[in-house]
Amino acid sequence: MNAAWVMALAGGVLIGLAATLLLWLGGRIAGVSGILGGVVQPRRGDTAWRLAFLAGLLLAGGVAIPLLPGIATPRESYPPLLLVAAGLLVGFGSSLGNGCTSGHGVCGLGRLSPRSLAAVLTFMATAVATTWIVRHAGGWA
């Protein structure tokens, strides 16, 4: 039996729980781009919780990789410059869209935000188009 769906479900539940707790207990939205942005350009002097949140993301990944073999298998077939360009485009898109997939998709949809619904539909359409281009037109897969 392939247990990949169990891991995905567990991850989704943990993300939802973390986002809910951050909102209920701290009144904060768990949008990673906004959290990181508040560290890079502090606005309200509330960088401590932001740093703790980001450290928790890194720590959880660092703990999960040795405990769950195969969870972080690197993709080696993509050109490094293409990956850098993709990362920059994601950062630009997060800034342009006033939030990232975690902020809009997890937190915004959970709060029934129409703006987040529009953002998520745009993210998903772009992801489908990009996947099709990379797998069928680009020859990088």
N, C-alpha and C. Protein backbone atom coordinates (compact mmCIF):
# COMPACT_ATOMS: atom_id res chain seq x y z
N MET A 1 0.84 -1.19 0.00
CA MET A 1 0.00 0.00 0.00
C MET A 1 0.88 1.25 0.00
N ASN A 2 0.56 2.17 -0.87
CA ASN A 2 1.30 3.42 -0.96
C ASN A 2 0.77 4.39 0.11
N ALA A 3 1.62 4.76 1.04
CA ALA A 3 1.21 5.62 2.15
C ALA A 3 1.48 7.09 1.87
N ALA A 4 1.77 7.45 0.62
CA ALA A 4 2.06 8.85 0.31
C ALA A 4 0.87 9.75 0.63
N TRP A 5 -0.34 9.26 0.41
CA TRP A 5 -1.51 10.08 0.70
C TRP A 5 -1.67 10.32 2.19
N VAL A 6 -1.21 9.38 3.01
CA VAL A 6 -1.29 9.55 4.46
C VAL A 6 -0.35 10.68 4.88
N MET A 7 0.84 10.70 4.30
CA MET A 7 1.80 11.75 4.62
C MET A 7 1.27 13.11 4.15
N ALA A 8 0.68 13.15 2.96
CA ALA A 8 0.11 14.40 2.46
C ALA A 8 -1.03 14.87 3.34
N LEU A 9 -1.89 13.96 3.76
CA LEU A 9 -3.00 14.31 4.65
C LEU A 9 -2.48 14.82 5.99
N ALA A 10 -1.51 14.13 6.55
CA ALA A 10 -0.93 14.56 7.83
C ALA A 10 -0.30 15.94 7.70
N GLY A 11 0.42 16.16 6.62
CA GLY A 11 1.02 17.48 6.40
C GLY A 11 -0.03 18.57 6.27
N GLY A 12 -1.09 18.29 5.53
CA GLY A 12 -2.16 19.26 5.38
C GLY A 12 -2.84 19.59 6.70
N VAL A 13 -3.08 18.56 7.50
CA VAL A 13 -3.70 18.77 8.81
C VAL A 13 -2.78 19.62 9.70
N LEU A 14 -1.49 19.33 9.68
CA LEU A 14 -0.55 20.10 10.50
C LEU A 14 -0.46 21.56 10.04
N ILE A 15 -0.46 21.78 8.74
CA ILE A 15 -0.43 23.15 8.22
C ILE A 15 -1.69 23.89 8.63
N GLY A 16 -2.84 23.25 8.46
CA GLY A 16 -4.09 23.88 8.87
C GLY A 16 -4.15 24.17 10.35
N LEU A 17 -3.67 23.23 11.15
CA LEU A 17 -3.66 23.42 12.61
C LEU A 17 -2.73 24.58 13.00
N ALA A 18 -1.56 24.62 12.39
CA ALA A 18 -0.61 25.70 12.70
C ALA A 18 -1.18 27.06 12.29
N ALA A 19 -1.80 27.13 11.12
CA ALA A 19 -2.39 28.39 10.67
C ALA A 19 -3.52 28.82 11.59
N THR A 20 -4.34 27.87 12.00
CA THR A 20 -5.46 28.17 12.89
C THR A 20 -4.97 28.65 14.26
N LEU A 21 -3.99 27.96 14.80
CA LEU A 21 -3.45 28.36 16.11
C LEU A 21 -2.79 29.73 16.05
N LEU A 22 -2.05 30.00 14.98
CA LEU A 22 -1.41 31.30 14.86
C LEU A 22 -2.46 32.41 14.79
N LEU A 23 -3.56 32.16 14.09
CA LEU A 23 -4.63 33.16 14.00
C LEU A 23 -5.36 33.31 15.34
N TRP A 24 -5.74 32.19 15.95
CA TRP A 24 -6.49 32.24 17.21
C TRP A 24 -5.67 32.79 18.36
N LEU A 25 -4.44 32.31 18.48
CA LEU A 25 -3.64 32.68 19.65
C LEU A 25 -2.87 33.98 19.48
N GLY A 26 -2.52 34.31 18.24
CA GLY A 26 -1.71 35.50 18.03
C GLY A 26 -2.33 36.55 17.13
N GLY A 27 -3.47 36.22 16.53
CA GLY A 27 -4.11 37.18 15.62
C GLY A 27 -3.30 37.43 14.36
N ARG A 28 -2.46 36.47 13.97
CA ARG A 28 -1.58 36.63 12.80
C ARG A 28 -1.97 35.66 11.70
N ILE A 29 -1.72 36.08 10.47
CA ILE A 29 -1.98 35.24 9.30
C ILE A 29 -0.69 34.49 8.96
N ALA A 30 -0.81 33.19 8.72
CA ALA A 30 0.36 32.34 8.44
C ALA A 30 0.72 32.36 6.96
N GLY A 31 0.89 33.53 6.40
CA GLY A 31 1.38 33.66 5.03
C GLY A 31 2.89 33.80 5.06
N VAL A 32 3.58 32.82 4.54
CA VAL A 32 5.04 32.78 4.70
C VAL A 32 5.72 33.97 4.04
N SER A 33 5.25 34.41 2.87
CA SER A 33 5.90 35.56 2.23
C SER A 33 5.73 36.82 3.08
N GLY A 34 4.58 37.00 3.69
CA GLY A 34 4.37 38.15 4.56
C GLY A 34 5.19 38.06 5.83
N ILE A 35 5.32 36.86 6.37
CA ILE A 35 6.13 36.66 7.57
C ILE A 35 7.59 36.97 7.26
N LEU A 36 8.09 36.44 6.15
CA LEU A 36 9.48 36.72 5.75
C LEU A 36 9.66 38.20 5.42
N GLY A 37 8.69 38.79 4.74
CA GLY A 37 8.77 40.21 4.42
C GLY A 37 8.87 41.08 5.65
N GLY A 38 8.19 40.68 6.73
CA GLY A 38 8.26 41.42 7.98
C GLY A 38 9.59 41.30 8.69
N VAL A 39 10.37 40.29 8.31
CA VAL A 39 11.73 40.15 8.86
C VAL A 39 12.70 40.98 8.03
N VAL A 40 12.54 40.92 6.71
CA VAL A 40 13.43 41.65 5.81
C VAL A 40 13.22 43.16 5.94
N GLN A 41 11.96 43.58 6.01
CA GLN A 41 11.62 45.00 6.18
C GLN A 41 10.68 45.13 7.37
N PRO A 42 11.24 45.17 8.58
CA PRO A 42 10.39 45.24 9.77
C PRO A 42 9.49 46.48 9.74
N ARG A 43 8.21 46.24 10.05
CA ARG A 43 7.25 47.32 10.02
C ARG A 43 6.76 47.71 11.41
N ARG A 44 6.58 46.76 12.26
CA ARG A 44 5.98 47.04 13.56
C ARG A 44 6.87 46.60 14.72
N GLY A 45 8.07 46.21 14.44
CA GLY A 45 8.93 45.75 15.52
C GLY A 45 8.53 44.40 16.09
N ASP A 46 7.83 43.59 15.29
CA ASP A 46 7.38 42.28 15.77
C ASP A 46 8.12 41.15 15.06
N THR A 47 9.43 41.27 15.02
CA THR A 47 10.21 40.29 14.28
C THR A 47 10.45 38.99 15.05
N ALA A 48 10.30 39.00 16.37
CA ALA A 48 10.61 37.80 17.16
C ALA A 48 9.73 36.63 16.77
N TRP A 49 8.43 36.80 16.71
CA TRP A 49 7.54 35.70 16.36
C TRP A 49 7.76 35.27 14.92
N ARG A 50 8.10 36.23 14.06
CA ARG A 50 8.35 35.90 12.65
C ARG A 50 9.60 35.02 12.53
N LEU A 51 10.65 35.39 13.23
CA LEU A 51 11.87 34.58 13.22
C LEU A 51 11.62 33.20 13.80
N ALA A 52 10.83 33.12 14.87
CA ALA A 52 10.51 31.83 15.47
C ALA A 52 9.72 30.96 14.50
N PHE A 53 8.77 31.54 13.79
CA PHE A 53 7.97 30.81 12.82
C PHE A 53 8.86 30.26 11.70
N LEU A 54 9.71 31.12 11.14
CA LEU A 54 10.61 30.70 10.05
C LEU A 54 11.61 29.65 10.54
N ALA A 55 12.13 29.82 11.74
CA ALA A 55 13.05 28.83 12.30
C ALA A 55 12.34 27.49 12.48
N GLY A 56 11.08 27.53 12.89
CA GLY A 56 10.30 26.31 13.03
C GLY A 56 10.12 25.59 11.70
N LEU A 57 9.91 26.34 10.64
CA LEU A 57 9.80 25.73 9.31
C LEU A 57 11.09 25.00 8.94
N LEU A 58 12.21 25.68 9.14
CA LEU A 58 13.51 25.09 8.80
C LEU A 58 13.81 23.90 9.70
N LEU A 59 13.54 24.04 10.98
CA LEU A 59 13.82 22.97 11.93
C LEU A 59 12.96 21.74 11.62
N ALA A 60 11.68 21.95 11.34
CA ALA A 60 10.80 20.82 11.02
C ALA A 60 11.28 20.09 9.77
N GLY A 61 11.70 20.84 8.77
CA GLY A 61 12.25 20.20 7.57
C GLY A 61 13.53 19.45 7.86
N GLY A 62 14.39 20.06 8.68
CA GLY A 62 15.65 19.40 9.04
C GLY A 62 15.44 18.13 9.84
N VAL A 63 14.40 18.08 10.64
CA VAL A 63 14.09 16.89 11.43
C VAL A 63 13.41 15.84 10.56
N ALA A 64 12.51 16.28 9.68
CA ALA A 64 11.74 15.34 8.85
C ALA A 64 12.61 14.60 7.84
N ILE A 65 13.60 15.26 7.27
CA ILE A 65 14.41 14.63 6.21
C ILE A 65 15.10 13.35 6.69
N PRO A 66 15.81 13.36 7.84
CA PRO A 66 16.43 12.09 8.25
C PRO A 66 15.43 11.06 8.79
N LEU A 67 14.29 11.52 9.32
CA LEU A 67 13.31 10.59 9.89
C LEU A 67 12.40 9.95 8.84
N LEU A 68 12.22 10.62 7.72
CA LEU A 68 11.32 10.14 6.67
C LEU A 68 12.08 10.01 5.36
N PRO A 69 12.78 8.90 5.15
CA PRO A 69 13.60 8.73 3.95
C PRO A 69 12.77 8.93 2.67
N GLY A 70 13.36 9.64 1.73
CA GLY A 70 12.71 9.86 0.44
C GLY A 70 11.75 11.03 0.41
N ILE A 71 11.57 11.72 1.55
CA ILE A 71 10.61 12.82 1.59
C ILE A 71 11.12 14.03 0.81
N ALA A 72 12.42 14.21 0.73
CA ALA A 72 12.98 15.38 0.05
C ALA A 72 13.99 14.92 -1.00
N THR A 73 13.49 14.26 -2.01
CA THR A 73 14.36 13.80 -3.08
C THR A 73 14.61 14.95 -4.05
N PRO A 74 15.86 15.38 -4.19
CA PRO A 74 16.13 16.53 -5.07
C PRO A 74 15.92 16.18 -6.54
N ARG A 75 15.46 17.16 -7.29
CA ARG A 75 15.30 17.02 -8.73
C ARG A 75 16.60 17.50 -9.37
N GLU A 76 17.23 16.68 -10.14
CA GLU A 76 18.53 17.02 -10.71
C GLU A 76 18.46 17.33 -12.20
N SER A 77 17.29 17.22 -12.81
CA SER A 77 17.22 17.36 -14.25
C SER A 77 16.93 18.78 -14.73
N TYR A 78 16.75 19.72 -13.81
CA TYR A 78 16.43 21.09 -14.21
C TYR A 78 17.69 21.95 -14.21
N PRO A 79 17.84 22.81 -15.20
CA PRO A 79 19.00 23.71 -15.23
C PRO A 79 18.97 24.68 -14.04
N PRO A 80 20.10 24.86 -13.36
CA PRO A 80 20.13 25.74 -12.17
C PRO A 80 19.64 27.15 -12.45
N LEU A 81 19.96 27.72 -13.60
CA LEU A 81 19.49 29.08 -13.90
C LEU A 81 17.97 29.13 -14.03
N LEU A 82 17.39 28.06 -14.53
CA LEU A 82 15.93 27.99 -14.62
C LEU A 82 15.31 27.96 -13.23
N LEU A 83 15.93 27.24 -12.30
CA LEU A 83 15.44 27.20 -10.92
C LEU A 83 15.56 28.56 -10.24
N VAL A 84 16.66 29.25 -10.48
CA VAL A 84 16.83 30.59 -9.90
C VAL A 84 15.78 31.54 -10.48
N ALA A 85 15.58 31.48 -11.78
CA ALA A 85 14.56 32.32 -12.40
C ALA A 85 13.17 32.01 -11.85
N ALA A 86 12.88 30.73 -11.65
CA ALA A 86 11.59 30.33 -11.10
C ALA A 86 11.41 30.88 -9.68
N GLY A 87 12.45 30.80 -8.87
CA GLY A 87 12.37 31.33 -7.52
C GLY A 87 12.14 32.83 -7.50
N LEU A 88 12.83 33.55 -8.39
CA LEU A 88 12.63 34.99 -8.47
C LEU A 88 11.21 35.33 -8.93
N LEU A 89 10.70 34.57 -9.88
CA LEU A 89 9.33 34.80 -10.34
C LEU A 89 8.30 34.52 -9.25
N VAL A 90 8.54 33.49 -8.46
CA VAL A 90 7.63 33.20 -7.34
C VAL A 90 7.65 34.36 -6.35
N GLY A 91 8.84 34.85 -6.03
CA GLY A 91 8.94 35.99 -5.11
C GLY A 91 8.26 37.23 -5.66
N PHE A 92 8.45 37.50 -6.94
CA PHE A 92 7.80 38.64 -7.57
C PHE A 92 6.28 38.46 -7.57
N GLY A 93 5.83 37.25 -7.88
CA GLY A 93 4.39 36.97 -7.90
C GLY A 93 3.77 37.12 -6.52
N SER A 94 4.49 36.68 -5.49
CA SER A 94 3.98 36.83 -4.12
C SER A 94 3.83 38.30 -3.76
N SER A 95 4.79 39.09 -4.18
CA SER A 95 4.71 40.53 -3.93
C SER A 95 3.57 41.17 -4.72
N LEU A 96 3.48 40.81 -5.98
CA LEU A 96 2.44 41.36 -6.86
C LEU A 96 1.05 40.94 -6.41
N GLY A 97 0.91 39.69 -5.97
CA GLY A 97 -0.38 39.16 -5.54
C GLY A 97 -0.72 39.47 -4.10
N ASN A 98 0.15 40.24 -3.44
CA ASN A 98 -0.08 40.62 -2.04
C ASN A 98 -0.23 39.40 -1.14
N GLY A 99 0.59 38.37 -1.41
CA GLY A 99 0.57 37.17 -0.59
C GLY A 99 0.97 35.95 -1.39
N CYS A 100 1.25 34.88 -0.69
CA CYS A 100 1.70 33.65 -1.32
C CYS A 100 0.63 32.57 -1.22
N THR A 101 0.94 31.38 -1.68
CA THR A 101 -0.03 30.30 -1.66
C THR A 101 -0.46 29.94 -0.24
N SER A 102 0.44 30.02 0.72
CA SER A 102 0.04 29.70 2.09
C SER A 102 -0.88 30.77 2.66
N GLY A 103 -0.58 32.02 2.36
CA GLY A 103 -1.42 33.09 2.88
C GLY A 103 -2.80 33.10 2.25
N HIS A 104 -2.86 33.00 0.93
CA HIS A 104 -4.14 33.02 0.25
C HIS A 104 -4.84 31.67 0.31
N GLY A 105 -4.10 30.60 -0.01
CA GLY A 105 -4.72 29.29 -0.12
C GLY A 105 -5.15 28.68 1.19
N VAL A 106 -4.33 28.79 2.20
CA VAL A 106 -4.66 28.18 3.49
C VAL A 106 -5.46 29.16 4.35
N CYS A 107 -4.93 30.34 4.52
CA CYS A 107 -5.55 31.29 5.46
C CYS A 107 -6.67 32.09 4.81
N GLY A 108 -6.44 32.60 3.61
CA GLY A 108 -7.45 33.43 2.96
C GLY A 108 -8.72 32.67 2.62
N LEU A 109 -8.57 31.47 2.05
CA LEU A 109 -9.76 30.68 1.74
C LEU A 109 -10.49 30.27 3.01
N GLY A 110 -9.74 29.98 4.07
CA GLY A 110 -10.35 29.62 5.34
C GLY A 110 -11.15 30.77 5.94
N ARG A 111 -10.79 31.99 5.58
CA ARG A 111 -11.54 33.17 6.06
C ARG A 111 -12.55 33.65 5.02
N LEU A 112 -12.74 32.86 3.95
CA LEU A 112 -13.70 33.15 2.89
C LEU A 112 -13.43 34.48 2.18
N SER A 113 -12.16 34.77 1.96
CA SER A 113 -11.76 36.01 1.29
C SER A 113 -11.92 35.89 -0.22
N PRO A 114 -12.74 36.75 -0.85
CA PRO A 114 -12.88 36.71 -2.31
C PRO A 114 -11.56 36.98 -3.03
N ARG A 115 -10.74 37.88 -2.47
CA ARG A 115 -9.44 38.18 -3.07
C ARG A 115 -8.55 36.95 -3.06
N SER A 116 -8.61 36.18 -1.98
CA SER A 116 -7.82 34.96 -1.91
C SER A 116 -8.32 33.91 -2.88
N LEU A 117 -9.62 33.82 -3.06
CA LEU A 117 -10.16 32.89 -4.04
C LEU A 117 -9.65 33.22 -5.44
N ALA A 118 -9.67 34.50 -5.79
CA ALA A 118 -9.15 34.92 -7.10
C ALA A 118 -7.66 34.60 -7.22
N ALA A 119 -6.91 34.82 -6.14
CA ALA A 119 -5.47 34.54 -6.16
C ALA A 119 -5.22 33.04 -6.32
N VAL A 120 -5.96 32.21 -5.59
CA VAL A 120 -5.75 30.76 -5.66
C VAL A 120 -6.12 30.24 -7.04
N LEU A 121 -7.19 30.73 -7.62
CA LEU A 121 -7.55 30.31 -8.98
C LEU A 121 -6.44 30.69 -9.97
N THR A 122 -5.86 31.86 -9.78
CA THR A 122 -4.75 32.29 -10.63
C THR A 122 -3.52 31.42 -10.41
N PHE A 123 -3.19 31.12 -9.14
CA PHE A 123 -2.06 30.24 -8.83
C PHE A 123 -2.23 28.89 -9.52
N MET A 124 -3.41 28.31 -9.35
CA MET A 124 -3.66 26.97 -9.87
C MET A 124 -3.62 26.94 -11.40
N ALA A 125 -4.22 27.93 -12.04
CA ALA A 125 -4.19 27.98 -13.50
C ALA A 125 -2.75 28.13 -14.00
N THR A 126 -1.98 28.95 -13.33
CA THR A 126 -0.58 29.14 -13.71
C THR A 126 0.22 27.87 -13.47
N ALA A 127 -0.05 27.17 -12.37
CA ALA A 127 0.65 25.91 -12.08
C ALA A 127 0.34 24.85 -13.13
N VAL A 128 -0.91 24.75 -13.52
CA VAL A 128 -1.29 23.78 -14.55
C VAL A 128 -0.60 24.12 -15.87
N ALA A 129 -0.63 25.39 -16.25
CA ALA A 129 0.01 25.80 -17.51
C ALA A 129 1.52 25.57 -17.46
N THR A 130 2.14 25.92 -16.35
CA THR A 130 3.59 25.74 -16.22
C THR A 130 3.96 24.26 -16.27
N THR A 131 3.20 23.43 -15.59
CA THR A 131 3.47 21.99 -15.61
C THR A 131 3.35 21.44 -17.02
N TRP A 132 2.34 21.87 -17.73
CA TRP A 132 2.17 21.40 -19.11
C TRP A 132 3.35 21.84 -19.97
N ILE A 133 3.77 23.09 -19.83
CA ILE A 133 4.89 23.60 -20.62
C ILE A 133 6.16 22.84 -20.31
N VAL A 134 6.45 22.67 -19.02
CA VAL A 134 7.70 22.00 -18.62
C VAL A 134 7.69 20.53 -19.05
N ARG A 135 6.59 19.85 -18.88
CA ARG A 135 6.54 18.41 -19.20
C ARG A 135 6.38 18.11 -20.68
N HIS A 136 5.68 18.98 -21.40
CA HIS A 136 5.35 18.65 -22.79
C HIS A 136 6.02 19.54 -23.82
N ALA A 137 6.30 20.78 -23.48
CA ALA A 137 6.87 21.67 -24.48
C ALA A 137 8.33 22.01 -24.22
N GLY A 138 8.76 21.97 -22.96
CA GLY A 138 10.10 22.40 -22.62
C GLY A 138 11.16 21.32 -22.65
N GLY A 139 10.74 20.08 -22.48
CA GLY A 139 11.71 18.98 -22.49
C GLY A 139 12.57 18.90 -21.25
N TRP A 140 12.14 19.51 -20.12
CA TRP A 140 12.96 19.51 -18.90
C TRP A 140 12.57 18.41 -17.94
N ALA A 141 11.46 17.75 -18.16
CA ALA A 141 10.98 16.74 -17.18
C ALA A 141 11.72 15.45 -17.33
